[in-house]
Protein backbone atom coordinates (compact mmCIF):
# COMPACT_ATOMS: atom_id res chain seq x y z
CA MET A 1 -6.12 5.33 -17.99
CA LYS A 2 -6.28 2.00 -16.18
CA GLN A 3 -9.46 0.52 -14.75
CA CYS A 4 -9.62 0.60 -10.95
CA PHE A 5 -8.93 -2.89 -9.58
CA PHE A 6 -11.48 -2.60 -6.79
CA CYS A 7 -14.21 -1.14 -9.03
CA SER A 8 -13.73 -3.89 -11.61
CA GLN A 9 -13.88 -6.60 -8.89
CA ASN A 10 -16.91 -4.88 -7.32
CA LEU A 11 -15.17 -4.65 -3.91
CA ASN A 12 -16.47 -1.92 -1.61
CA GLN A 13 -14.55 -2.83 1.55
CA ILE A 14 -10.79 -3.27 1.76
CA ASP A 15 -9.84 -5.54 4.65
CA HIS A 16 -6.64 -4.68 6.53
CA LYS A 17 -6.16 -8.40 7.30
CA ASP A 18 -5.92 -9.35 3.61
CA VAL A 19 -2.14 -8.98 3.43
CA GLN A 20 -1.74 -10.62 0.00
CA LEU A 21 -4.00 -8.00 -1.57
CA LEU A 22 -2.34 -5.11 0.25
CA ARG A 23 1.16 -6.21 -0.82
CA ARG A 24 0.17 -5.67 -4.47
CA PHE A 25 -0.09 -1.93 -3.77
CA VAL A 26 3.11 -1.51 -1.72
CA SER A 27 6.46 -0.88 -3.45
CA GLN A 28 9.74 -2.70 -2.83
CA GLN A 29 10.75 0.02 -0.36
CA GLY A 30 7.49 -0.37 1.56
CA LYS A 31 5.80 2.77 0.22
CA ILE A 32 2.18 2.93 -0.91
CA ILE A 33 2.13 3.00 -4.72
CA ASP A 34 0.90 6.21 -6.31
CA PRO A 35 -2.62 6.00 -7.79
CA MET A 36 -1.28 7.18 -11.16
CA HIS A 37 0.82 4.00 -11.38
CA SER A 38 -1.59 1.58 -9.73
CA GLY A 39 -4.68 2.87 -11.58
CA ILE A 40 -6.84 3.00 -8.46
CA CYS A 41 -9.63 5.57 -8.18
CA ALA A 42 -9.46 8.22 -5.45
CA THR A 43 -12.14 6.63 -3.27
CA HIS A 44 -10.42 3.26 -3.17
CA GLN A 45 -6.97 4.85 -2.82
CA ARG A 46 -8.07 6.47 0.45
CA LYS A 47 -9.54 3.19 1.72
CA LEU A 48 -6.42 1.31 0.62
CA ALA A 49 -4.09 3.74 2.40
CA THR A 50 -6.09 3.40 5.62
CA ALA A 51 -6.05 -0.41 5.36
CA ILE A 52 -2.27 -0.48 4.74
CA LYS A 53 -1.62 1.82 7.70
CA ARG A 54 -3.79 -0.34 9.97
CA ALA A 55 -2.00 -3.49 8.80
CA ARG A 56 1.36 -1.86 9.53
CA PHE A 57 0.26 -0.81 13.00
CA LEU A 58 -0.92 -4.36 13.79
CA GLY A 59 2.35 -5.82 12.50
CA LEU A 60 0.88 -7.59 9.48
CA LEU A 61 2.91 -5.45 7.05
CA SER A 62 6.33 -3.96 7.66
CA PHE A 63 6.92 -0.22 7.56
CA VAL A 64 10.12 -0.61 5.54
CA LYS A 65 11.70 -3.37 3.45
CA LYS A 66 14.42 -5.18 5.38
């Protein structure tokens, strides 16, 4: 099992304005990558999903790949 990226970096908050970080966890089609493939723990997966959805709503990330 992979080590959680956010636990290893000691990050508690995931900022929805940090688009470079969020793009690492979004697939080519624009879907949020499954925690089994990304290796993120459940706590950070929930925070990551919320941050990605907020970034999409604000127009920082696209909903689908164009």
